[in-house]
Amino acid sequence: MRTITTTAGVQIKIDGDLLAIMETLYKEVASRQELESSFEDMMKEIKHLIDQMEPSEQRTYLIESLFLNTVKYENDKLETYIKKLKI
């Protein structure tokens, strides 16, 4: 299985598991910098990882990301609606 590496040298398996990449990004960027990382820090690391991927891998992770974000968006909308019903 192919791997990509963070700027700090941490390897990530490329197996379609978006959450593994997100967890590594959190540990390597946000947590390592004691939650003082900037938008630019995170974007730099994400771009570094994407640049190591083949186009087909980028497509796989884009699809997974859009799906995950759509589910999150739907859940947020539902949560807002439920809160309105409780008032």
PDB file of N, CA and C in Angstrom:
ATOM      1  N   MET A   1       0.845  -1.184   0.000  1.00  0.00           N
ATOM      2  CA  MET A   1       0.000   0.000   0.000  1.00  0.00           C
ATOM      3  C   MET A   1       0.890   1.246   0.000  1.00  0.00           C
ATOM      4  N   ARG A   2       0.494   2.209  -0.811  1.00  0.00           N
ATOM      5  CA  ARG A   2       1.236   3.458  -0.917  1.00  0.00           C
ATOM      6  C   ARG A   2       1.058   4.311   0.334  1.00  0.00           C
ATOM      7  N   THR A   3       2.075   5.118   0.610  1.00  0.00           N
ATOM      8  CA  THR A   3       1.972   6.067   1.719  1.00  0.00           C
ATOM      9  C   THR A   3       2.402   7.449   1.236  1.00  0.00           C
ATOM     10  N   ILE A   4       1.910   8.449   1.942  1.00  0.00           N
ATOM     11  CA  ILE A   4       2.377   9.819   1.763  1.00  0.00           C
ATOM     12  C   ILE A   4       2.925  10.256   3.114  1.00  0.00           C
ATOM     13  N   THR A   5       3.670  11.357   3.126  1.00  0.00           N
ATOM     14  CA  THR A   5       4.339  11.782   4.351  1.00  0.00           C
ATOM     15  C   THR A   5       4.041  13.244   4.660  1.00  0.00           C
ATOM     16  N   THR A   6       3.825  13.523   5.934  1.00  0.00           N
ATOM     17  CA  THR A   6       3.643  14.908   6.357  1.00  0.00           C
ATOM     18  C   THR A   6       4.977  15.637   6.285  1.00  0.00           C
ATOM     19  N   THR A   7       4.958  16.940   6.467  1.00  0.00           N
ATOM     20  CA  THR A   7       6.204  17.705   6.452  1.00  0.00           C
ATOM     21  C   THR A   7       7.115  17.307   7.615  1.00  0.00           C
ATOM     22  N   ALA A   8       6.536  16.719   8.669  1.00  0.00           N
ATOM     23  CA  ALA A   8       7.320  16.260   9.819  1.00  0.00           C
ATOM     24  C   ALA A   8       7.804  14.820   9.636  1.00  0.00           C
ATOM     25  N   GLY A   9       7.399  14.185   8.521  1.00  0.00           N
ATOM     26  CA  GLY A   9       7.862  12.834   8.238  1.00  0.00           C
ATOM     27  C   GLY A   9       6.947  11.712   8.676  1.00  0.00           C
ATOM     28  N   VAL A  10       5.755  12.032   9.155  1.00  0.00           N
ATOM     29  CA  VAL A  10       4.800  11.003   9.562  1.00  0.00           C
ATOM     30  C   VAL A  10       4.157  10.402   8.314  1.00  0.00           C
ATOM     31  N   GLN A  11       4.156   9.080   8.227  1.00  0.00           N
ATOM     32  CA  GLN A  11       3.591   8.407   7.066  1.00  0.00           C
ATOM     33  C   GLN A  11       2.097   8.156   7.244  1.00  0.00           C
ATOM     34  N   ILE A  12       1.366   8.296   6.138  1.00  0.00           N
ATOM     35  CA  ILE A  12      -0.079   8.041   6.114  1.00  0.00           C
ATOM     36  C   ILE A  12      -0.356   7.086   4.964  1.00  0.00           C
ATOM     37  N   LYS A  13      -1.059   6.008   5.256  1.00  0.00           N
ATOM     38  CA  LYS A  13      -1.439   5.064   4.209  1.00  0.00           C
ATOM     39  C   LYS A  13      -2.514   5.680   3.332  1.00  0.00           C
ATOM     40  N   ILE A  14      -2.380   5.472   2.034  1.00  0.00           N
ATOM     41  CA  ILE A  14      -3.370   5.952   1.074  1.00  0.00           C
ATOM     42  C   ILE A  14      -4.309   4.797   0.769  1.00  0.00           C
ATOM     43  N   ASP A  15      -5.384   4.709   1.546  1.00  0.00           N
ATOM     44  CA  ASP A  15      -6.330   3.609   1.379  1.00  0.00           C
ATOM     45  C   ASP A  15      -7.774   4.092   1.324  1.00  0.00           C
ATOM     46  N   GLY A  16      -7.958   5.404   1.088  1.00  0.00           N
ATOM     47  CA  GLY A  16      -9.300   5.960   0.992  1.00  0.00           C
ATOM     48  C   GLY A  16      -9.899   6.368   2.324  1.00  0.00           C
ATOM     49  N   ASP A  17      -9.135   6.238   3.415  1.00  0.00           N
ATOM     50  CA  ASP A  17      -9.634   6.560   4.751  1.00  0.00           C
ATOM     51  C   ASP A  17      -9.375   8.038   5.064  1.00  0.00           C
ATOM     52  N   LEU A  18     -10.346   8.867   4.758  1.00  0.00           N
ATOM     53  CA  LEU A  18     -10.217  10.304   4.971  1.00  0.00           C
ATOM     54  C   LEU A  18     -10.006  10.639   6.442  1.00  0.00           C
ATOM     55  N   LEU A  19     -10.676   9.912   7.327  1.00  0.00           N
ATOM     56  CA  LEU A  19     -10.551  10.212   8.751  1.00  0.00           C
ATOM     57  C   LEU A  19      -9.132   9.993   9.259  1.00  0.00           C
ATOM     58  N   ALA A  20      -8.415   9.046   8.679  1.00  0.00           N
ATOM     59  CA  ALA A  20      -7.016   8.826   9.069  1.00  0.00           C
ATOM     60  C   ALA A  20      -6.176  10.045   8.726  1.00  0.00           C
ATOM     61  N   ILE A  21      -6.434  10.631   7.570  1.00  0.00           N
ATOM     62  CA  ILE A  21      -5.704  11.838   7.180  1.00  0.00           C
ATOM     63  C   ILE A  21      -6.091  13.002   8.082  1.00  0.00           C
ATOM     64  N   MET A  22      -7.367  13.143   8.373  1.00  0.00           N
ATOM     65  CA  MET A  22      -7.825  14.233   9.230  1.00  0.00           C
ATOM     66  C   MET A  22      -7.231  14.104  10.635  1.00  0.00           C
ATOM     67  N   GLU A  23      -7.183  12.894  11.158  1.00  0.00           N
ATOM     68  CA  GLU A  23      -6.609  12.673  12.485  1.00  0.00           C
ATOM     69  C   GLU A  23      -5.122  13.027  12.495  1.00  0.00           C
ATOM     70  N   THR A  24      -4.415  12.621  11.456  1.00  0.00           N
ATOM     71  CA  THR A  24      -2.992  12.942  11.366  1.00  0.00           C
ATOM     72  C   THR A  24      -2.791  14.450  11.249  1.00  0.00           C
ATOM     73  N   LEU A  25      -3.612  15.120  10.453  1.00  0.00           N
ATOM     74  CA  LEU A  25      -3.515  16.578  10.332  1.00  0.00           C
ATOM     75  C   LEU A  25      -3.734  17.241  11.687  1.00  0.00           C
ATOM     76  N   TYR A  26      -4.719  16.760  12.423  1.00  0.00           N
ATOM     77  CA  TYR A  26      -4.977  17.332  13.753  1.00  0.00           C
ATOM     78  C   TYR A  26      -3.759  17.145  14.658  1.00  0.00           C
ATOM     79  N   LYS A  27      -3.238  15.926  14.691  1.00  0.00           N
ATOM     80  CA  LYS A  27      -2.088  15.650  15.564  1.00  0.00           C
ATOM     81  C   LYS A  27      -0.858  16.439  15.153  1.00  0.00           C
ATOM     82  N   GLU A  28      -0.606  16.517  13.857  1.00  0.00           N
ATOM     83  CA  GLU A  28       0.625  17.122  13.365  1.00  0.00           C
ATOM     84  C   GLU A  28       0.580  18.645  13.283  1.00  0.00           C
ATOM     85  N   VAL A  29      -0.588  19.208  13.075  1.00  0.00           N
ATOM     86  CA  VAL A  29      -0.660  20.658  12.917  1.00  0.00           C
ATOM     87  C   VAL A  29      -1.264  21.312  14.157  1.00  0.00           C
ATOM     88  N   ALA A  30      -2.484  20.958  14.489  1.00  0.00           N
ATOM     89  CA  ALA A  30      -3.166  21.624  15.605  1.00  0.00           C
ATOM     90  C   ALA A  30      -2.582  21.223  16.955  1.00  0.00           C
ATOM     91  N   SER A  31      -2.514  19.939  17.208  1.00  0.00           N
ATOM     92  CA  SER A  31      -2.073  19.458  18.513  1.00  0.00           C
ATOM     93  C   SER A  31      -0.594  19.751  18.761  1.00  0.00           C
ATOM     94  N   ARG A  32       0.234  19.500  17.776  1.00  0.00           N
ATOM     95  CA  ARG A  32       1.678  19.719  17.928  1.00  0.00           C
ATOM     96  C   ARG A  32       1.982  21.188  18.218  1.00  0.00           C
ATOM     97  N   GLN A  33       1.162  22.073  17.687  1.00  0.00           N
ATOM     98  CA  GLN A  33       1.374  23.508  17.918  1.00  0.00           C
ATOM     99  C   GLN A  33       0.487  24.009  19.055  1.00  0.00           C
ATOM    100  N   GLU A  34       0.020  23.079  19.891  1.00  0.00           N
ATOM    101  CA  GLU A  34      -0.808  23.386  21.057  1.00  0.00           C
ATOM    102  C   GLU A  34      -2.006  24.259  20.698  1.00  0.00           C
ATOM    103  N   LEU A  35      -2.682  23.864  19.627  1.00  0.00           N
ATOM    104  CA  LEU A  35      -3.889  24.536  19.129  1.00  0.00           C
ATOM    105  C   LEU A  35      -3.642  25.992  18.731  1.00  0.00           C
ATOM    106  N   GLU A  36      -2.390  26.353  18.479  1.00  0.00           N
ATOM    107  CA  GLU A  36      -2.044  27.712  18.052  1.00  0.00           C
ATOM    108  C   GLU A  36      -1.748  27.769  16.560  1.00  0.00           C
ATOM    109  N   SER A  37      -2.110  26.731  15.832  1.00  0.00           N
ATOM    110  CA  SER A  37      -1.839  26.720  14.390  1.00  0.00           C
ATOM    111  C   SER A  37      -2.793  27.671  13.676  1.00  0.00           C
ATOM    112  N   SER A  38      -2.356  28.127  12.539  1.00  0.00           N
ATOM    113  CA  SER A  38      -3.166  29.055  11.763  1.00  0.00           C
ATOM    114  C   SER A  38      -3.813  28.331  10.579  1.00  0.00           C
ATOM    115  N   PHE A  39      -4.705  29.038   9.936  1.00  0.00           N
ATOM    116  CA  PHE A  39      -5.320  28.551   8.704  1.00  0.00           C
ATOM    117  C   PHE A  39      -4.227  28.228   7.689  1.00  0.00           C
ATOM    118  N   GLU A  40      -3.257  29.103   7.601  1.00  0.00           N
ATOM    119  CA  GLU A  40      -2.169  28.919   6.642  1.00  0.00           C
ATOM    120  C   GLU A  40      -1.341  27.672   6.947  1.00  0.00           C
ATOM    121  N   ASP A  41      -1.098  27.400   8.234  1.00  0.00           N
ATOM    122  CA  ASP A  41      -0.356  26.196   8.629  1.00  0.00           C
ATOM    123  C   ASP A  41      -1.072  24.941   8.155  1.00  0.00           C
ATOM    124  N   MET A  42      -2.381  24.901   8.395  1.00  0.00           N
ATOM    125  CA  MET A  42      -3.164  23.726   8.013  1.00  0.00           C
ATOM    126  C   MET A  42      -3.231  23.593   6.496  1.00  0.00           C
ATOM    127  N   MET A  43      -3.456  24.695   5.798  1.00  0.00           N
ATOM    128  CA  MET A  43      -3.530  24.650   4.338  1.00  0.00           C
ATOM    129  C   MET A  43      -2.205  24.202   3.729  1.00  0.00           C
ATOM    130  N   LYS A  44      -1.116  24.654   4.292  1.00  0.00           N
ATOM    131  CA  LYS A  44       0.209  24.258   3.796  1.00  0.00           C
ATOM    132  C   LYS A  44       0.391  22.741   3.922  1.00  0.00           C
ATOM    133  N   GLU A  45      -0.012  22.192   5.055  1.00  0.00           N
ATOM    134  CA  GLU A  45       0.135  20.752   5.275  1.00  0.00           C
ATOM    135  C   GLU A  45      -0.797  19.967   4.354  1.00  0.00           C
ATOM    136  N   ILE A  46      -2.028  20.426   4.196  1.00  0.00           N
ATOM    137  CA  ILE A  46      -2.980  19.749   3.309  1.00  0.00           C
ATOM    138  C   ILE A  46      -2.453  19.755   1.877  1.00  0.00           C
ATOM    139  N   LYS A  47      -1.980  20.894   1.416  1.00  0.00           N
ATOM    140  CA  LYS A  47      -1.436  20.983   0.054  1.00  0.00           C
ATOM    141  C   LYS A  47      -0.234  20.063  -0.118  1.00  0.00           C
ATOM    142  N   HIS A  48       0.597  19.981   0.899  1.00  0.00           N
ATOM    143  CA  HIS A  48       1.760  19.095   0.863  1.00  0.00           C
ATOM    144  C   HIS A  48       1.324  17.643   0.675  1.00  0.00           C
ATOM    145  N   LEU A  49       0.272  17.233   1.388  1.00  0.00           N
ATOM    146  CA  LEU A  49      -0.224  15.855   1.266  1.00  0.00           C
ATOM    147  C   LEU A  49      -0.854  15.612  -0.103  1.00  0.00           C
ATOM    148  N   ILE A  50      -1.668  16.537  -0.566  1.00  0.00           N
ATOM    149  CA  ILE A  50      -2.342  16.389  -1.856  1.00  0.00           C
ATOM    150  C   ILE A  50      -1.338  16.320  -3.004  1.00  0.00           C
ATOM    151  N   ASP A  51      -0.284  17.100  -2.909  1.00  0.00           N
ATOM    152  CA  ASP A  51       0.733  17.101  -3.966  1.00  0.00           C
ATOM    153  C   ASP A  51       1.413  15.743  -4.134  1.00  0.00           C
ATOM    154  N   GLN A  52       1.361  14.912  -3.119  1.00  0.00           N
ATOM    155  CA  GLN A  52       1.979  13.586  -3.180  1.00  0.00           C
ATOM    156  C   GLN A  52       1.040  12.522  -3.755  1.00  0.00           C
ATOM    157  N   MET A  53      -0.225  12.872  -3.939  1.00  0.00           N
ATOM    158  CA  MET A  53      -1.221  11.913  -4.406  1.00  0.00           C
ATOM    159  C   MET A  53      -1.312  11.890  -5.924  1.00  0.00           C
ATOM    160  N   GLU A  54      -1.637  10.722  -6.441  1.00  0.00           N
ATOM    161  CA  GLU A  54      -1.944  10.570  -7.861  1.00  0.00           C
ATOM    162  C   GLU A  54      -3.331  11.177  -8.106  1.00  0.00           C
ATOM    163  N   PRO A  55      -3.638  11.587  -9.334  1.00  0.00           N
ATOM    164  CA  PRO A  55      -4.966  12.148  -9.625  1.00  0.00           C
ATOM    165  C   PRO A  55      -6.124  11.240  -9.184  1.00  0.00           C
ATOM    166  N   SER A  56      -5.997   9.942  -9.358  1.00  0.00           N
ATOM    167  CA  SER A  56      -7.078   9.038  -8.950  1.00  0.00           C
ATOM    168  C   SER A  56      -7.247   9.024  -7.425  1.00  0.00           C
ATOM    169  N   GLU A  57      -6.144   9.159  -6.706  1.00  0.00           N
ATOM    170  CA  GLU A  57      -6.212   9.214  -5.240  1.00  0.00           C
ATOM    171  C   GLU A  57      -6.833  10.535  -4.795  1.00  0.00           C
ATOM    172  N   GLN A  58      -6.462  11.608  -5.469  1.00  0.00           N
ATOM    173  CA  GLN A  58      -7.058  12.905  -5.152  1.00  0.00           C
ATOM    174  C   GLN A  58      -8.573  12.855  -5.356  1.00  0.00           C
ATOM    175  N   ARG A  59      -8.992  12.227  -6.436  1.00  0.00           N
ATOM    176  CA  ARG A  59     -10.427  12.094  -6.733  1.00  0.00           C
ATOM    177  C   ARG A  59     -11.136  11.301  -5.639  1.00  0.00           C
ATOM    178  N   THR A  60     -10.534  10.198  -5.218  1.00  0.00           N
ATOM    179  CA  THR A  60     -11.122   9.361  -4.161  1.00  0.00           C
ATOM    180  C   THR A  60     -11.310  10.162  -2.883  1.00  0.00           C
ATOM    181  N   TYR A  61     -10.279  10.903  -2.494  1.00  0.00           N
ATOM    182  CA  TYR A  61     -10.363  11.676  -1.260  1.00  0.00           C
ATOM    183  C   TYR A  61     -11.300  12.881  -1.391  1.00  0.00           C
ATOM    184  N   LEU A  62     -11.402  13.471  -2.572  1.00  0.00           N
ATOM    185  CA  LEU A  62     -12.360  14.554  -2.783  1.00  0.00           C
ATOM    186  C   LEU A  62     -13.788  14.035  -2.619  1.00  0.00           C
ATOM    187  N   ILE A  63     -14.071  12.893  -3.212  1.00  0.00           N
ATOM    188  CA  ILE A  63     -15.407  12.297  -3.091  1.00  0.00           C
ATOM    189  C   ILE A  63     -15.733  12.019  -1.626  1.00  0.00           C
ATOM    190  N   GLU A  64     -14.796  11.409  -0.917  1.00  0.00           N
ATOM    191  CA  GLU A  64     -14.999  11.097   0.500  1.00  0.00           C
ATOM    192  C   GLU A  64     -15.204  12.373   1.308  1.00  0.00           C
ATOM    193  N   SER A  65     -14.434  13.403   0.999  1.00  0.00           N
ATOM    194  CA  SER A  65     -14.549  14.664   1.712  1.00  0.00           C
ATOM    195  C   SER A  65     -15.904  15.331   1.467  1.00  0.00           C
ATOM    196  N   LEU A  66     -16.327  15.358   0.219  1.00  0.00           N
ATOM    197  CA  LEU A  66     -17.634  15.945  -0.092  1.00  0.00           C
ATOM    198  C   LEU A  66     -18.761  15.177   0.580  1.00  0.00           C
ATOM    199  N   PHE A  67     -18.664  13.862   0.596  1.00  0.00           N
ATOM    200  CA  PHE A  67     -19.688  13.055   1.261  1.00  0.00           C
ATOM    201  C   PHE A  67     -19.727  13.372   2.748  1.00  0.00           C
ATOM    202  N   LEU A  68     -18.571  13.356   3.392  1.00  0.00           N
ATOM    203  CA  LEU A  68     -18.501  13.618   4.826  1.00  0.00           C
ATOM    204  C   LEU A  68     -19.025  15.016   5.152  1.00  0.00           C
ATOM    205  N   ASN A  69     -18.667  16.002   4.354  1.00  0.00           N
ATOM    206  CA  ASN A  69     -19.128  17.362   4.597  1.00  0.00           C
ATOM    207  C   ASN A  69     -20.626  17.518   4.345  1.00  0.00           C
ATOM    208  N   THR A  70     -21.156  16.783   3.389  1.00  0.00           N
ATOM    209  CA  THR A  70     -22.601  16.819   3.142  1.00  0.00           C
ATOM    210  C   THR A  70     -23.360  16.243   4.327  1.00  0.00           C
ATOM    211  N   VAL A  71     -22.884  15.137   4.860  1.00  0.00           N
ATOM    212  CA  VAL A  71     -23.517  14.532   6.040  1.00  0.00           C
ATOM    213  C   VAL A  71     -23.447  15.490   7.219  1.00  0.00           C
ATOM    214  N   LYS A  72     -22.300  16.118   7.424  1.00  0.00           N
ATOM    215  CA  LYS A  72     -22.139  17.085   8.523  1.00  0.00           C
ATOM    216  C   LYS A  72     -23.096  18.260   8.329  1.00  0.00           C
ATOM    217  N   TYR A  73     -23.206  18.756   7.114  1.00  0.00           N
ATOM    218  CA  TYR A  73     -24.113  19.864   6.814  1.00  0.00           C
ATOM    219  C   TYR A  73     -25.564  19.473   7.115  1.00  0.00           C
ATOM    220  N   GLU A  74     -25.953  18.280   6.665  1.00  0.00           N
ATOM    221  CA  GLU A  74     -27.312  17.798   6.920  1.00  0.00           C
ATOM    222  C   GLU A  74     -27.578  17.682   8.420  1.00  0.00           C
ATOM    223  N   ASN A  75     -26.621  17.152   9.162  1.00  0.00           N
ATOM    224  CA  ASN A  75     -26.780  17.004  10.607  1.00  0.00           C
ATOM    225  C   ASN A  75     -26.891  18.359  11.299  1.00  0.00           C
ATOM    226  N   ASP A  76     -26.108  19.330  10.855  1.00  0.00           N
ATOM    227  CA  ASP A  76     -26.185  20.676  11.425  1.00  0.00           C
ATOM    228  C   ASP A  76     -27.548  21.309  11.158  1.00  0.00           C
ATOM    229  N   LYS A  77     -28.058  21.139   9.936  1.00  0.00           N
ATOM    230  CA  LYS A  77     -29.381  21.679   9.598  1.00  0.00           C
ATOM    231  C   LYS A  77     -30.463  21.024  10.445  1.00  0.00           C
ATOM    232  N   LEU A  78     -30.366  19.709  10.601  1.00  0.00           N
ATOM    233  CA  LEU A  78     -31.341  18.976  11.407  1.00  0.00           C
ATOM    234  C   LEU A  78     -31.282  19.414  12.872  1.00  0.00           C
ATOM    235  N   GLU A  79     -30.074  19.602  13.384  1.00  0.00           N
ATOM    236  CA  GLU A  79     -29.912  20.053  14.766  1.00  0.00           C
ATOM    237  C   GLU A  79     -30.557  21.419  14.973  1.00  0.00           C
ATOM    238  N   THR A  80     -30.377  22.327  14.035  1.00  0.00           N
ATOM    239  CA  THR A  80     -30.987  23.646  14.115  1.00  0.00           C
ATOM    240  C   THR A  80     -32.508  23.544  14.099  1.00  0.00           C
ATOM    241  N   TYR A  81     -33.046  22.692  13.240  1.00  0.00           N
ATOM    242  CA  TYR A  81     -34.485  22.508  13.141  1.00  0.00           C
ATOM    243  C   TYR A  81     -35.052  21.948  14.444  1.00  0.00           C
ATOM    244  N   ILE A  82     -34.381  20.976  15.016  1.00  0.00           N
ATOM    245  CA  ILE A  82     -34.843  20.354  16.267  1.00  0.00           C
ATOM    246  C   ILE A  82     -34.820  21.369  17.401  1.00  0.00           C
ATOM    247  N   LYS A  83     -33.791  22.210  17.447  1.00  0.00           N
ATOM    248  CA  LYS A  83     -33.722  23.245  18.483  1.00  0.00           C
ATOM    249  C   LYS A  83     -34.885  24.204  18.354  1.00  0.00           C
ATOM    250  N   LYS A  84     -35.285  24.540  17.139  1.00  0.00           N
ATOM    251  CA  LYS A  84     -36.425  25.431  16.923  1.00  0.00           C
ATOM    252  C   LYS A  84     -37.715  24.781  17.395  1.00  0.00           C
ATOM    253  N   LEU A  85     -37.835  23.480  17.216  1.00  0.00           N
ATOM    254  CA  LEU A  85     -39.037  22.778  17.653  1.00  0.00           C
ATOM    255  C   LEU A  85     -39.161  22.738  19.176  1.00  0.00           C
ATOM    256  N   LYS A  86     -38.057  22.744  19.881  1.00  0.00           N
ATOM    257  CA  LYS A  86     -38.062  22.669  21.341  1.00  0.00           C
ATOM    258  C   LYS A  86     -38.441  23.981  21.999  1.00  0.00           C
ATOM    259  N   ILE A  87     -38.356  25.074  21.253  1.00  0.00           N
ATOM    260  CA  ILE A  87     -38.645  26.409  21.826  1.00  0.00           C
ATOM    261  C   ILE A  87     -40.101  26.644  21.964  1.00  0.00           C
TER     262      ILE A  87
END
